[in-house]
N, C-alpha and C. Protein backbone atom coordinates (compact mmCIF):
# COMPACT_ATOMS: atom_id res chain seq x y z
N UNK A 1 -46.68 -43.41 216.33
CA UNK A 1 -46.10 -44.17 217.60
C UNK A 1 -44.68 -43.70 217.69
N UNK A 2 -43.99 -43.88 219.06
CA UNK A 2 -42.94 -43.71 218.98
C UNK A 2 -41.84 -44.07 218.29
N UNK A 3 -42.47 -45.17 218.27
CA UNK A 3 -41.14 -46.42 217.05
C UNK A 3 -41.04 -45.55 215.79
N UNK A 4 -42.55 -44.67 215.11
CA UNK A 4 -41.85 -44.52 214.06
C UNK A 4 -41.47 -42.99 214.17
N UNK A 5 -41.39 -42.22 215.10
CA UNK A 5 -41.26 -41.02 215.70
C UNK A 5 -39.44 -41.45 215.54
N UNK A 6 -39.37 -42.57 215.60
CA UNK A 6 -37.50 -42.62 215.67
C UNK A 6 -37.11 -43.24 214.91
N UNK A 7 -37.78 -43.40 213.70
CA UNK A 7 -37.97 -44.28 212.42
C UNK A 7 -37.22 -43.37 211.19
N UNK A 8 -36.21 -43.49 210.85
CA UNK A 8 -35.64 -42.17 209.87
C UNK A 8 -35.91 -42.02 208.50
N UNK A 9 -36.09 -42.84 207.98
CA UNK A 9 -37.03 -43.24 206.76
C UNK A 9 -38.16 -42.67 206.68
N UNK A 10 -38.34 -43.67 207.36
CA UNK A 10 -40.51 -42.73 208.11
C UNK A 10 -40.71 -41.11 207.99
N UNK A 11 -39.94 -41.08 208.84
CA UNK A 11 -39.50 -39.25 209.77
C UNK A 11 -39.12 -38.47 207.56
N UNK A 12 -38.08 -39.13 207.57
CA UNK A 12 -37.62 -38.74 206.29
C UNK A 12 -38.79 -37.83 205.20
N UNK A 13 -39.55 -39.30 204.84
CA UNK A 13 -40.65 -38.95 203.55
C UNK A 13 -41.45 -38.19 204.21
N UNK A 14 -42.00 -38.16 205.06
CA UNK A 14 -43.01 -37.03 205.88
C UNK A 14 -42.27 -35.75 205.80
N UNK A 15 -41.29 -35.28 206.02
CA UNK A 15 -40.70 -34.08 206.33
C UNK A 15 -40.53 -33.51 204.86
N UNK A 16 -40.13 -34.95 203.85
CA UNK A 16 -39.69 -34.27 202.43
C UNK A 16 -41.04 -33.37 201.91
N UNK A 17 -42.55 -34.07 202.60
CA UNK A 17 -43.61 -33.95 202.09
C UNK A 17 -44.43 -32.37 202.53
N UNK A 18 -43.90 -32.60 203.70
CA UNK A 18 -44.23 -31.37 204.77
C UNK A 18 -43.01 -31.14 206.18
N UNK A 19 -42.35 -30.34 205.60
CA UNK A 19 -41.33 -30.09 206.80
C UNK A 19 -41.93 -29.44 208.12
N UNK A 20 -43.10 -28.67 208.47
CA UNK A 20 -43.05 -28.63 209.15
C UNK A 20 -43.81 -30.33 211.09
N UNK A 21 -43.48 -31.62 209.79
CA UNK A 21 -43.53 -32.76 210.40
C UNK A 21 -42.43 -33.01 211.53
N UNK A 22 -41.39 -32.08 211.21
CA UNK A 22 -40.43 -32.23 212.07
C UNK A 22 -40.91 -32.30 213.78
N UNK A 23 -41.72 -31.97 213.67
CA UNK A 23 -42.39 -31.06 215.35
C UNK A 23 -42.55 -32.62 215.93
N UNK A 24 -42.57 -33.49 215.20
CA UNK A 24 -43.40 -34.86 215.94
C UNK A 24 -42.44 -35.78 215.60
N UNK A 25 -41.27 -35.68 215.15
CA UNK A 25 -40.05 -36.75 214.92
C UNK A 25 -39.39 -36.72 216.76
N UNK A 26 -38.71 -37.86 216.59
CA UNK A 26 -37.62 -38.12 217.90
C UNK A 26 -37.04 -36.84 218.38
N UNK A 27 -36.31 -36.76 219.35
CA UNK A 27 -35.20 -35.92 220.28
C UNK A 27 -34.05 -36.45 218.76
N UNK A 28 -33.82 -37.23 218.75
CA UNK A 28 -32.80 -38.02 218.23
C UNK A 28 -32.64 -37.99 216.71
N UNK A 29 -33.61 -37.62 216.02
CA UNK A 29 -34.06 -37.20 214.15
C UNK A 29 -34.16 -35.82 214.22
N UNK A 30 -34.45 -35.51 215.48
CA UNK A 30 -34.29 -33.70 215.12
C UNK A 30 -32.85 -33.04 215.63
N UNK A 31 -31.72 -34.23 215.47
CA UNK A 31 -30.26 -33.88 216.01
C UNK A 31 -29.75 -34.73 214.17
N UNK A 32 -30.42 -35.19 212.95
CA UNK A 32 -29.91 -35.65 212.00
C UNK A 32 -30.40 -34.84 211.34
N UNK A 33 -28.92 -34.68 210.67
CA UNK A 33 -28.73 -33.65 209.73
C UNK A 33 -29.17 -34.21 208.52
N UNK A 34 -29.33 -35.28 207.67
CA UNK A 34 -29.60 -35.56 206.78
C UNK A 34 -31.45 -35.85 207.08
N UNK A 35 -32.37 -35.83 207.82
CA UNK A 35 -33.59 -35.80 208.56
C UNK A 35 -33.76 -34.31 208.32
N UNK A 36 -33.35 -33.11 209.28
CA UNK A 36 -33.64 -31.98 209.66
C UNK A 36 -33.25 -31.57 207.96
N UNK A 37 -32.26 -31.59 207.10
CA UNK A 37 -32.28 -31.16 206.18
C UNK A 37 -33.11 -31.03 205.18
N UNK A 38 -33.57 -32.62 204.95
CA UNK A 38 -34.65 -32.58 204.33
C UNK A 38 -36.77 -31.75 205.26
N UNK A 39 -36.21 -31.95 205.91
CA UNK A 39 -37.03 -30.82 206.41
C UNK A 39 -37.19 -29.30 206.28
N UNK A 40 -35.86 -28.77 206.28
CA UNK A 40 -35.95 -27.42 206.21
C UNK A 40 -35.55 -26.88 204.45
N UNK A 41 -35.48 -27.88 203.67
CA UNK A 41 -35.37 -28.18 202.03
C UNK A 41 -36.80 -27.53 201.74
N UNK A 42 -37.78 -28.35 202.33
CA UNK A 42 -39.05 -28.27 202.17
C UNK A 42 -39.74 -26.85 202.84
N UNK A 43 -39.48 -27.00 204.03
CA UNK A 43 -39.83 -25.56 205.04
C UNK A 43 -39.11 -24.89 205.82
N UNK A 44 -38.45 -24.22 205.22
CA UNK A 44 -37.53 -23.55 206.12
C UNK A 44 -37.64 -23.37 207.58
N UNK A 45 -38.58 -22.92 208.28
CA UNK A 45 -39.33 -22.62 209.56
C UNK A 45 -39.03 -23.86 209.66
N UNK A 46 -39.23 -25.12 209.68
CA UNK A 46 -39.05 -26.22 210.74
C UNK A 46 -37.60 -26.08 211.58
N UNK A 47 -36.77 -25.39 210.85
CA UNK A 47 -34.86 -25.43 211.61
C UNK A 47 -35.69 -25.36 213.22
N UNK A 48 -36.98 -24.46 213.19
CA UNK A 48 -37.50 -24.35 214.35
C UNK A 48 -37.28 -25.13 215.51
N UNK A 49 -37.47 -26.98 215.11
CA UNK A 49 -37.91 -27.71 215.89
C UNK A 49 -36.58 -28.80 215.55
N UNK A 50 -35.36 -28.35 214.91
CA UNK A 50 -34.22 -28.54 214.71
C UNK A 50 -33.34 -28.46 216.57
N UNK A 51 -32.68 -29.43 216.32
CA UNK A 51 -31.52 -29.68 217.39
C UNK A 51 -30.52 -28.27 217.84
N UNK A 52 -30.39 -27.37 218.76
CA UNK A 52 -29.44 -26.43 218.84
C UNK A 52 -28.68 -26.73 218.01
N UNK A 53 -27.83 -28.15 218.30
CA UNK A 53 -26.08 -28.74 217.61
C UNK A 53 -26.60 -28.68 215.83
N UNK A 54 -28.06 -28.63 215.05
CA UNK A 54 -27.96 -28.38 213.75
C UNK A 54 -28.63 -26.78 213.86
N UNK A 55 -28.90 -26.57 214.86
CA UNK A 55 -29.38 -24.68 214.47
C UNK A 55 -27.56 -24.22 214.12
N UNK A 56 -26.78 -24.82 214.47
CA UNK A 56 -25.63 -24.03 214.43
C UNK A 56 -24.76 -25.04 213.09
N UNK A 57 -25.50 -25.82 212.47
CA UNK A 57 -24.67 -26.36 211.33
C UNK A 57 -24.77 -25.49 209.93
N UNK A 58 -23.60 -25.24 209.37
CA UNK A 58 -23.82 -24.37 208.40
C UNK A 58 -24.95 -24.30 206.75
N UNK A 59 -24.37 -26.66 207.02
CA UNK A 59 -25.45 -26.91 205.93
C UNK A 59 -26.56 -27.25 206.16
N UNK A 60 -27.10 -27.48 207.02
CA UNK A 60 -28.15 -27.56 207.38
C UNK A 60 -28.71 -25.83 207.84
N UNK A 61 -28.09 -25.34 208.39
CA UNK A 61 -28.79 -23.55 207.95
C UNK A 61 -28.85 -22.93 206.69
N UNK A 62 -27.83 -23.10 206.11
CA UNK A 62 -27.54 -22.88 204.45
C UNK A 62 -28.87 -23.57 203.81
N UNK A 63 -29.54 -24.57 203.83
CA UNK A 63 -30.48 -24.89 203.24
C UNK A 63 -31.35 -24.70 203.76
N UNK A 64 -31.92 -23.65 205.18
CA UNK A 64 -32.93 -23.20 204.99
C UNK A 64 -33.25 -22.42 205.24
N UNK A 65 -32.44 -21.28 204.98
CA UNK A 65 -31.94 -20.02 204.29
C UNK A 65 -32.13 -20.15 202.75
N UNK A 66 -31.92 -20.46 202.28
CA UNK A 66 -32.31 -20.68 200.94
C UNK A 66 -33.23 -20.88 200.30
N UNK A 67 -34.14 -21.71 201.23
CA UNK A 67 -35.46 -21.93 201.13
C UNK A 67 -36.42 -20.34 201.27
N UNK A 68 -35.99 -20.18 202.28
CA UNK A 68 -36.75 -18.65 203.04
C UNK A 68 -35.38 -18.01 203.66
N UNK A 69 -35.21 -16.39 203.48
CA UNK A 69 -34.42 -15.98 203.92
C UNK A 69 -34.32 -15.59 205.45
N UNK A 70 -35.57 -15.54 205.61
CA UNK A 70 -36.55 -15.68 206.97
C UNK A 70 -35.84 -16.08 208.05
N UNK A 71 -35.46 -17.73 207.86
CA UNK A 71 -35.24 -18.63 208.88
C UNK A 71 -33.93 -18.56 209.29
N UNK A 72 -33.14 -17.35 208.84
CA UNK A 72 -32.17 -16.75 209.47
C UNK A 72 -32.42 -16.39 210.93
N UNK A 73 -33.38 -16.16 211.48
CA UNK A 73 -33.85 -15.64 212.49
C UNK A 73 -33.63 -16.88 214.00
N UNK A 74 -33.42 -18.04 212.78
CA UNK A 74 -33.87 -19.20 213.98
C UNK A 74 -32.19 -19.89 214.12
N UNK A 75 -31.74 -19.48 213.06
CA UNK A 75 -29.92 -20.20 213.16
C UNK A 75 -29.64 -19.39 214.54
N UNK A 76 -28.23 -20.35 214.85
CA UNK A 76 -27.67 -20.03 215.69
C UNK A 76 -26.71 -18.09 215.95
N UNK A 77 -26.45 -17.74 216.62
CA UNK A 77 -25.62 -15.97 216.89
C UNK A 77 -24.50 -16.91 215.87
N UNK A 78 -23.35 -17.73 216.28
CA UNK A 78 -23.22 -17.83 214.90
C UNK A 78 -22.82 -17.78 213.85
N UNK A 79 -24.16 -18.09 213.62
CA UNK A 79 -24.47 -18.54 211.80
C UNK A 79 -24.75 -17.42 211.67
N UNK A 80 -25.55 -16.43 211.72
CA UNK A 80 -26.35 -15.35 211.79
C UNK A 80 -25.34 -14.40 211.11
N UNK A 81 -24.12 -14.18 211.97
CA UNK A 81 -23.14 -13.94 211.02
C UNK A 81 -21.89 -14.66 210.05
N UNK A 82 -22.14 -15.59 209.64
CA UNK A 82 -21.22 -16.18 209.15
C UNK A 82 -21.46 -15.95 207.31
N UNK A 83 -20.97 -15.67 206.78
CA UNK A 83 -21.09 -14.88 205.53
C UNK A 83 -21.66 -16.00 204.91
N UNK A 84 -21.14 -17.34 204.21
CA UNK A 84 -21.48 -18.60 203.58
C UNK A 84 -23.59 -18.25 203.73
N UNK A 85 -23.32 -18.23 205.68
CA UNK A 85 -24.98 -18.20 205.42
C UNK A 85 -25.95 -17.15 204.99
N UNK A 86 -25.44 -16.02 205.11
CA UNK A 86 -26.00 -14.39 204.90
C UNK A 86 -25.97 -14.27 203.44
N UNK A 87 -24.92 -15.18 202.57
CA UNK A 87 -24.97 -14.84 201.70
C UNK A 87 -26.00 -15.46 201.03
N UNK A 88 -26.37 -17.15 200.91
CA UNK A 88 -27.04 -18.05 200.96
C UNK A 88 -28.40 -17.11 200.98
N UNK A 89 -28.78 -16.41 201.91
CA UNK A 89 -29.89 -16.18 202.39
C UNK A 89 -30.32 -15.32 201.59
N UNK A 90 -28.78 -13.96 201.07
CA UNK A 90 -29.07 -13.06 199.99
C UNK A 90 -29.61 -13.29 198.68
N UNK A 91 -29.11 -14.51 198.06
CA UNK A 91 -29.28 -14.81 196.87
C UNK A 91 -30.36 -15.67 196.96
N UNK A 92 -30.86 -16.48 197.66
CA UNK A 92 -31.80 -16.94 197.81
C UNK A 92 -33.40 -15.64 197.69
N UNK A 93 -33.25 -14.87 198.59
CA UNK A 93 -34.42 -13.63 198.35
C UNK A 93 -34.31 -12.94 196.66
N UNK A 94 -32.98 -12.77 196.21
CA UNK A 94 -33.15 -12.89 195.02
C UNK A 94 -33.17 -13.19 194.12
N UNK A 95 -33.23 -14.91 193.98
CA UNK A 95 -33.26 -15.36 192.96
C UNK A 95 -35.16 -15.52 192.53
N UNK A 96 -35.65 -15.49 194.49
CA UNK A 96 -37.34 -15.68 194.37
C UNK A 96 -37.59 -14.24 193.57
N UNK A 97 -37.28 -13.05 194.03
CA UNK A 97 -37.27 -11.85 193.07
C UNK A 97 -37.38 -11.94 191.51
N UNK A 98 -36.45 -12.76 191.05
CA UNK A 98 -36.52 -12.38 189.45
C UNK A 98 -37.16 -13.03 188.87
N UNK A 99 -38.15 -13.72 189.36
CA UNK A 99 -39.30 -14.65 188.85
C UNK A 99 -40.79 -13.79 188.69
N UNK A 100 -40.60 -12.65 189.78
CA UNK A 100 -41.24 -11.85 190.22
C UNK A 100 -41.63 -9.95 189.57
N UNK A 101 -39.93 -10.35 188.62
CA UNK A 101 -40.51 -8.95 188.49
C UNK A 101 -39.50 -8.76 187.17
N UNK A 102 -39.49 -7.68 185.95
CA UNK A 102 -38.94 -8.18 184.81
C UNK A 102 -38.04 -7.25 185.22
N UNK A 103 -36.63 -8.13 184.69
CA UNK A 103 -35.26 -7.26 184.83
C UNK A 103 -34.84 -6.54 183.70
N UNK A 104 -34.03 -5.70 183.71
CA UNK A 104 -34.21 -4.89 182.74
C UNK A 104 -32.44 -4.62 182.43
N UNK A 105 -32.14 -4.77 181.08
CA UNK A 105 -30.59 -4.77 181.00
C UNK A 105 -30.19 -3.42 180.99
N UNK A 106 -28.86 -3.17 181.25
CA UNK A 106 -28.40 -1.72 182.07
C UNK A 106 -27.60 -1.40 180.69
N UNK A 107 -28.03 -0.09 180.77
CA UNK A 107 -27.96 0.40 178.94
C UNK A 107 -26.16 1.48 179.72
């Protein structure tokens, strides 16, 4: 219902379990930093459903690209060149790789 789609508490619970649920939130909540951050922390590509304003929000985009660096393509042009955001992207990719390969000490 429209009432539930605009209820920040209900939507936050939903996007925490499934970030893609942001698609069904009201436009107002797609522009709510806390709700969108909860969504992109769970599923980076939920950034697609965020408001343009939040696609230009360093904290929101950093949360998304830390979860999946590929989500950088959904960020504003300005943030695609932001050192903090790009560093979070690379760092996130590096962290995921650590669990998949053996690290060898340098001799």
